[in-house]
Amino acid sequence: GLIQLAAGLARLGGLVSFVSHSVMTAFTAAAA
């Protein structure tokens, strides 16, 4: 929570878009 809150207050929302969609697809598959 503290990490996410700090990121939001620092207005880093746009940086999340730099993470490839393939990362989440593969990560979710591995988690499954």
All heavy atoms as atom14 arrays in JSON, in Angstrom:
{
  "sequence": "GLIQLAAGLARLGGLVSFVSHSVMTAFTAAAA",
  "atom14_mask": [
    [1, 1, 1, 1, 0, 0, 0, 0, 0, 0, 0, 0, 0, 0],
    [1, 1, 1, 1, 1, 1, 1, 1, 0, 0, 0, 0, 0, 0],
    [1, 1, 1, 1, 1, 1, 1, 1, 0, 0, 0, 0, 0, 0],
    [1, 1, 1, 1, 1, 1, 1, 1, 1, 0, 0, 0, 0, 0],
    [1, 1, 1, 1, 1, 1, 1, 1, 0, 0, 0, 0, 0, 0],
    [1, 1, 1, 1, 1, 0, 0, 0, 0, 0, 0, 0, 0, 0],
    [1, 1, 1, 1, 1, 0, 0, 0, 0, 0, 0, 0, 0, 0],
    [1, 1, 1, 1, 0, 0, 0, 0, 0, 0, 0, 0, 0, 0],
    [1, 1, 1, 1, 1, 1, 1, 1, 0, 0, 0, 0, 0, 0],
    [1, 1, 1, 1, 1, 0, 0, 0, 0, 0, 0, 0, 0, 0],
    [1, 1, 1, 1, 1, 1, 1, 1, 1, 1, 1, 0, 0, 0],
    [1, 1, 1, 1, 1, 1, 1, 1, 0, 0, 0, 0, 0, 0],
    [1, 1, 1, 1, 0, 0, 0, 0, 0, 0, 0, 0, 0, 0],
    [1, 1, 1, 1, 0, 0, 0, 0, 0, 0, 0, 0, 0, 0],
    [1, 1, 1, 1, 1, 1, 1, 1, 0, 0, 0, 0, 0, 0],
    [1, 1, 1, 1, 1, 1, 1, 0, 0, 0, 0, 0, 0, 0],
    [1, 1, 1, 1, 1, 1, 0, 0, 0, 0, 0, 0, 0, 0],
    [1, 1, 1, 1, 1, 1, 1, 1, 1, 1, 1, 0, 0, 0],
    [1, 1, 1, 1, 1, 1, 1, 0, 0, 0, 0, 0, 0, 0],
    [1, 1, 1, 1, 1, 1, 0, 0, 0, 0, 0, 0, 0, 0],
    [1, 1, 1, 1, 1, 1, 1, 1, 1, 1, 0, 0, 0, 0],
    [1, 1, 1, 1, 1, 1, 0, 0, 0, 0, 0, 0, 0, 0],
    [1, 1, 1, 1, 1, 1, 1, 0, 0, 0, 0, 0, 0, 0],
    [1, 1, 1, 1, 1, 1, 1, 1, 0, 0, 0, 0, 0, 0],
    [1, 1, 1, 1, 1, 1, 1, 0, 0, 0, 0, 0, 0, 0],
    [1, 1, 1, 1, 1, 0, 0, 0, 0, 0, 0, 0, 0, 0],
    [1, 1, 1, 1, 1, 1, 1, 1, 1, 1, 1, 0, 0, 0],
    [1, 1, 1, 1, 1, 1, 1, 0, 0, 0, 0, 0, 0, 0],
    [1, 1, 1, 1, 1, 0, 0, 0, 0, 0, 0, 0, 0, 0],
    [1, 1, 1, 1, 1, 0, 0, 0, 0, 0, 0, 0, 0, 0],
    [1, 1, 1, 1, 1, 0, 0, 0, 0, 0, 0, 0, 0, 0],
    [1, 1, 1, 1, 1, 0, 0, 0, 0, 0, 0, 0, 0, 0]
  ],
  "atom14_positions": [
    [[0.81, -1.21, 0.0], [0.0, 0.0, 0.0], [0.85, 1.26, 0.0], [0.54, 2.22, -0.72], [0.0, 0.0, 0.0], [0.0, 0.0, 0.0], [0.0, 0.0, 0.0], [0.0, 0.0, 0.0], [0.0, 0.0, 0.0], [0.0, 0.0, 0.0], [0.0, 0.0, 0.0], [0.0, 0.0, 0.0], [0.0, 0.0, 0.0], [0.0, 0.0, 0.0]],
    [[1.9, 1.27, 0.81], [2.75, 2.46, 0.87], [3.46, 2.69, -0.47], [3.61, 3.85, -0.91], [3.78, 2.3, 2.0], [3.2, 2.28, 3.42], [4.31, 2.02, 4.44], [2.49, 3.6, 3.73], [0.0, 0.0, 0.0], [0.0, 0.0, 0.0], [0.0, 0.0, 0.0], [0.0, 0.0, 0.0], [0.0, 0.0, 0.0], [0.0, 0.0, 0.0]],
    [[3.92, 1.61, -1.11], [4.57, 1.75, -2.42], [3.59, 2.3, -3.45], [3.91, 3.22, -4.22], [5.14, 0.39, -2.87], [6.29, -0.04, -1.96], [5.61, 0.45, -4.33], [6.75, -1.46, -2.18], [0.0, 0.0, 0.0], [0.0, 0.0, 0.0], [0.0, 0.0, 0.0], [0.0, 0.0, 0.0], [0.0, 0.0, 0.0], [0.0, 0.0, 0.0]],
    [[2.39, 1.77, -3.48], [1.38, 2.23, -4.43], [0.97, 3.67, -4.15], [0.8, 4.47, -5.08], [0.16, 1.31, -4.39], [0.44, -0.11, -4.89], [-0.75, -1.03, -4.72], [-1.57, -0.83, -3.82], [-0.85, -2.03, -5.57], [0.0, 0.0, 0.0], [0.0, 0.0, 0.0], [0.0, 0.0, 0.0], [0.0, 0.0, 0.0], [0.0, 0.0, 0.0]],
    [[0.82, 4.0, -2.89], [0.44, 5.36, -2.52], [1.52, 6.36, -2.93], [1.22, 7.42, -3.48], [0.18, 5.43, -1.01], [-0.27, 6.79, -0.45], [-1.57, 7.23, -1.1], [-0.44, 6.69, 1.07], [0.0, 0.0, 0.0], [0.0, 0.0, 0.0], [0.0, 0.0, 0.0], [0.0, 0.0, 0.0], [0.0, 0.0, 0.0], [0.0, 0.0, 0.0]],
    [[2.78, 6.0, -2.68], [3.89, 6.88, -3.07], [3.93, 7.06, -4.58], [4.15, 8.17, -5.08], [5.21, 6.3, -2.57], [0.0, 0.0, 0.0], [0.0, 0.0, 0.0], [0.0, 0.0, 0.0], [0.0, 0.0, 0.0], [0.0, 0.0, 0.0], [0.0, 0.0, 0.0], [0.0, 0.0, 0.0], [0.0, 0.0, 0.0], [0.0, 0.0, 0.0]],
    [[3.69, 5.98, -5.32], [3.69, 6.07, -6.78], [2.57, 6.97, -7.28], [2.75, 7.75, -8.22], [3.58, 4.68, -7.39], [0.0, 0.0, 0.0], [0.0, 0.0, 0.0], [0.0, 0.0, 0.0], [0.0, 0.0, 0.0], [0.0, 0.0, 0.0], [0.0, 0.0, 0.0], [0.0, 0.0, 0.0], [0.0, 0.0, 0.0], [0.0, 0.0, 0.0]],
    [[1.41, 6.87, -6.65], [0.29, 7.7, -7.06], [0.52, 9.17, -6.75], [0.23, 10.04, -7.56], [0.0, 0.0, 0.0], [0.0, 0.0, 0.0], [0.0, 0.0, 0.0], [0.0, 0.0, 0.0], [0.0, 0.0, 0.0], [0.0, 0.0, 0.0], [0.0, 0.0, 0.0], [0.0, 0.0, 0.0], [0.0, 0.0, 0.0], [0.0, 0.0, 0.0]],
    [[1.07, 9.46, -5.56], [1.35, 10.85, -5.19], [2.44, 11.44, -6.07], [2.45, 12.65, -6.34], [1.76, 10.93, -3.72], [0.66, 10.59, -2.7], [1.22, 10.56, -1.3], [-0.5, 11.61, -2.79], [0.0, 0.0, 0.0], [0.0, 0.0, 0.0], [0.0, 0.0, 0.0], [0.0, 0.0, 0.0], [0.0, 0.0, 0.0], [0.0, 0.0, 0.0]],
    [[3.37, 10.59, -6.54], [4.43, 11.04, -7.44], [3.96, 11.11, -8.89], [4.75, 11.44, -9.78], [5.64, 10.13, -7.33], [0.0, 0.0, 0.0], [0.0, 0.0, 0.0], [0.0, 0.0, 0.0], [0.0, 0.0, 0.0], [0.0, 0.0, 0.0], [0.0, 0.0, 0.0], [0.0, 0.0, 0.0], [0.0, 0.0, 0.0], [0.0, 0.0, 0.0]],
    [[2.7, 10.77, -9.13], [2.07, 10.83, -10.46], [2.83, 9.96, -11.46], [3.2, 10.4, -12.56], [1.99, 12.27, -10.95], [1.28, 13.2, -9.97], [1.19, 14.62, -10.49], [0.26, 14.71, -11.6], [-1.06, 14.83, -11.47], [-1.61, 14.88, -10.26], [-1.84, 14.92, -12.53], [0.0, 0.0, 0.0], [0.0, 0.0, 0.0], [0.0, 0.0, 0.0]],
    [[3.05, 8.71, -11.07], [3.78, 7.78, -11.93], [2.83, 6.85, -12.69], [3.25, 5.8, -13.16], [4.74, 6.93, -11.08], [5.82, 7.71, -10.31], [6.71, 6.74, -9.54], [6.65, 8.56, -11.24], [0.0, 0.0, 0.0], [0.0, 0.0, 0.0], [0.0, 0.0, 0.0], [0.0, 0.0, 0.0], [0.0, 0.0, 0.0], [0.0, 0.0, 0.0]],
    [[1.57, 7.23, -12.81], [0.6, 6.38, -13.47], [0.98, 6.04, -14.89], [0.73, 4.93, -15.38], [0.0, 0.0, 0.0], [0.0, 0.0, 0.0], [0.0, 0.0, 0.0], [0.0, 0.0, 0.0], [0.0, 0.0, 0.0], [0.0, 0.0, 0.0], [0.0, 0.0, 0.0], [0.0, 0.0, 0.0], [0.0, 0.0, 0.0], [0.0, 0.0, 0.0]],
    [[1.59, 6.99, -15.59], [1.96, 6.74, -16.98], [3.03, 5.69, -17.14], [3.11, 5.01, -18.18], [0.0, 0.0, 0.0], [0.0, 0.0, 0.0], [0.0, 0.0, 0.0], [0.0, 0.0, 0.0], [0.0, 0.0, 0.0], [0.0, 0.0, 0.0], [0.0, 0.0, 0.0], [0.0, 0.0, 0.0], [0.0, 0.0, 0.0], [0.0, 0.0, 0.0]],
    [[3.89, 5.51, -16.11], [4.98, 4.54, -16.22], [4.47, 3.11, -16.28], [5.14, 2.23, -16.83], [5.95, 4.7, -15.05], [6.76, 5.99, -15.0], [7.67, 6.0, -13.8], [7.57, 6.16, -16.29], [0.0, 0.0, 0.0], [0.0, 0.0, 0.0], [0.0, 0.0, 0.0], [0.0, 0.0, 0.0], [0.0, 0.0, 0.0], [0.0, 0.0, 0.0]],
    [[3.29, 2.87, -15.7], [2.75, 1.51, -15.71], [2.52, 1.04, -17.13], [2.63, -0.15, -17.45], [1.44, 1.47, -14.89], [0.82, 0.08, -14.95], [1.71, 1.85, -13.44], [0.0, 0.0, 0.0], [0.0, 0.0, 0.0], [0.0, 0.0, 0.0], [0.0, 0.0, 0.0], [0.0, 0.0, 0.0], [0.0, 0.0, 0.0], [0.0, 0.0, 0.0]],
    [[2.24, 1.98, -18.04], [1.97, 1.61, -19.42], [3.2, 1.07, -20.13], [3.09, 0.45, -21.19], [1.45, 2.84, -20.19], [0.27, 3.33, -19.59], [0.0, 0.0, 0.0], [0.0, 0.0, 0.0], [0.0, 0.0, 0.0], [0.0, 0.0, 0.0], [0.0, 0.0, 0.0], [0.0, 0.0, 0.0], [0.0, 0.0, 0.0], [0.0, 0.0, 0.0]],
    [[4.4, 1.3, -19.55], [5.61, 0.82, -20.2], [5.8, -0.68, -20.02], [6.62, -1.28, -20.71], [6.84, 1.55, -19.64], [7.06, 2.91, -20.24], [6.53, 4.04, -19.66], [7.77, 3.04, -21.42], [6.72, 5.29, -20.21], [7.96, 4.29, -21.98], [7.44, 5.42, -21.39], [0.0, 0.0, 0.0], [0.0, 0.0, 0.0], [0.0, 0.0, 0.0]],
    [[5.1, -1.27, -19.09], [5.21, -2.71, -18.89], [4.45, -3.42, -20.01], [3.27, -3.16, -20.23], [4.66, -3.14, -17.52], [4.8, -4.64, -17.34], [5.4, -2.41, -16.41], [0.0, 0.0, 0.0], [0.0, 0.0, 0.0], [0.0, 0.0, 0.0], [0.0, 0.0, 0.0], [0.0, 0.0, 0.0], [0.0, 0.0, 0.0], [0.0, 0.0, 0.0]],
    [[5.13, -4.3, -20.7], [4.53, -4.98, -21.84], [3.31, -5.79, -21.42], [3.28, -6.42, -20.36], [5.57, -5.91, -22.49], [4.96, -6.77, -23.41], [0.0, 0.0, 0.0], [0.0, 0.0, 0.0], [0.0, 0.0, 0.0], [0.0, 0.0, 0.0], [0.0, 0.0, 0.0], [0.0, 0.0, 0.0], [0.0, 0.0, 0.0], [0.0, 0.0, 0.0]],
    [[2.31, -5.77, -22.29], [1.1, -6.58, -22.05], [1.47, -8.06, -21.99], [0.83, -8.84, -21.27], [0.09, -6.33, -23.16], [-1.15, -7.15, -23.05], [-2.06, -7.02, -22.02], [-1.64, -8.15, -23.83], [-3.04, -7.88, -22.18], [-2.81, -8.58, -23.26], [0.0, 0.0, 0.0], [0.0, 0.0, 0.0], [0.0, 0.0, 0.0], [0.0, 0.0, 0.0]],
    [[2.49, -8.46, -22.71], [2.91, -9.86, -22.71], [3.4, -10.29, -21.33], [3.29, -11.47, -20.97], [4.02, -10.08, -23.74], [3.58, -9.76, -25.03], [0.0, 0.0, 0.0], [0.0, 0.0, 0.0], [0.0, 0.0, 0.0], [0.0, 0.0, 0.0], [0.0, 0.0, 0.0], [0.0, 0.0, 0.0], [0.0, 0.0, 0.0], [0.0, 0.0, 0.0]],
    [[3.94, -9.34, -20.56], [4.4, -9.67, -19.2], [3.23, -10.11, -18.35], [3.28, -11.15, -17.67], [5.1, -8.46, -18.56], [5.43, -8.74, -17.11], [6.37, -8.11, -19.33], [0.0, 0.0, 0.0], [0.0, 0.0, 0.0], [0.0, 0.0, 0.0], [0.0, 0.0, 0.0], [0.0, 0.0, 0.0], [0.0, 0.0, 0.0], [0.0, 0.0, 0.0]],
    [[2.13, -9.34, -18.39], [0.98, -9.7, -17.58], [0.31, -10.97, -18.08], [-0.18, -11.78, -17.29], [-0.02, -8.54, -17.58], [0.39, -7.37, -16.71], [0.77, -7.84, -15.0], [-0.8, -8.47, -14.45], [0.0, 0.0, 0.0], [0.0, 0.0, 0.0], [0.0, 0.0, 0.0], [0.0, 0.0, 0.0], [0.0, 0.0, 0.0], [0.0, 0.0, 0.0]],
    [[0.29, -11.17, -19.4], [-0.29, -12.39, -19.94], [0.46, -13.62, -19.46], [-0.14, -14.61, -19.01], [-0.28, -12.35, -21.49], [-1.02, -11.21, -21.93], [-0.89, -13.61, -22.07], [0.0, 0.0, 0.0], [0.0, 0.0, 0.0], [0.0, 0.0, 0.0], [0.0, 0.0, 0.0], [0.0, 0.0, 0.0], [0.0, 0.0, 0.0], [0.0, 0.0, 0.0]],
    [[1.79, -13.56, -19.54], [2.62, -14.69, -19.12], [2.6, -14.85, -17.6], [2.53, -15.97, -17.08], [4.05, -14.5, -19.61], [0.0, 0.0, 0.0], [0.0, 0.0, 0.0], [0.0, 0.0, 0.0], [0.0, 0.0, 0.0], [0.0, 0.0, 0.0], [0.0, 0.0, 0.0], [0.0, 0.0, 0.0], [0.0, 0.0, 0.0], [0.0, 0.0, 0.0]],
    [[2.66, -13.73, -16.89], [2.64, -13.79, -15.43], [1.35, -14.41, -14.93], [1.36, -15.25, -14.02], [2.81, -12.38, -14.86], [2.71, -12.32, -13.36], [3.79, -12.64, -12.56], [1.51, -11.96, -12.75], [3.69, -12.6, -11.18], [1.4, -11.92, -11.38], [2.49, -12.23, -10.59], [0.0, 0.0, 0.0], [0.0, 0.0, 0.0], [0.0, 0.0, 0.0]],
    [[0.24, -14.01, -15.52], [-1.06, -14.55, -15.11], [-1.13, -16.04, -15.42], [-1.67, -16.82, -14.61], [-2.2, -13.81, -15.83], [-2.08, -12.42, -15.57], [-3.55, -14.29, -15.36], [0.0, 0.0, 0.0], [0.0, 0.0, 0.0], [0.0, 0.0, 0.0], [0.0, 0.0, 0.0], [0.0, 0.0, 0.0], [0.0, 0.0, 0.0], [0.0, 0.0, 0.0]],
    [[-0.59, -16.45, -16.56], [-0.58, -17.88, -16.91], [0.26, -18.67, -15.92], [-0.13, -19.76, -15.48], [-0.06, -18.06, -18.33], [0.0, 0.0, 0.0], [0.0, 0.0, 0.0], [0.0, 0.0, 0.0], [0.0, 0.0, 0.0], [0.0, 0.0, 0.0], [0.0, 0.0, 0.0], [0.0, 0.0, 0.0], [0.0, 0.0, 0.0], [0.0, 0.0, 0.0]],
    [[1.44, -18.13, -15.56], [2.3, -18.81, -14.59], [1.61, -18.9, -13.23], [1.67, -19.93, -12.54], [3.63, -18.08, -14.47], [0.0, 0.0, 0.0], [0.0, 0.0, 0.0], [0.0, 0.0, 0.0], [0.0, 0.0, 0.0], [0.0, 0.0, 0.0], [0.0, 0.0, 0.0], [0.0, 0.0, 0.0], [0.0, 0.0, 0.0], [0.0, 0.0, 0.0]],
    [[0.94, -17.8, -12.83], [0.21, -17.81, -11.56], [-0.9, -18.85, -11.59], [-1.14, -19.55, -10.6], [-0.37, -16.42, -11.29], [0.0, 0.0, 0.0], [0.0, 0.0, 0.0], [0.0, 0.0, 0.0], [0.0, 0.0, 0.0], [0.0, 0.0, 0.0], [0.0, 0.0, 0.0], [0.0, 0.0, 0.0], [0.0, 0.0, 0.0], [0.0, 0.0, 0.0]],
    [[-1.57, -18.98, -12.74], [-2.65, -19.96, -12.86], [-2.14, -21.38, -12.68], [-2.75, -22.2, -11.99], [-3.33, -19.81, -14.22], [0.0, 0.0, 0.0], [0.0, 0.0, 0.0], [0.0, 0.0, 0.0], [0.0, 0.0, 0.0], [0.0, 0.0, 0.0], [0.0, 0.0, 0.0], [0.0, 0.0, 0.0], [0.0, 0.0, 0.0], [0.0, 0.0, 0.0]]
  ]
}
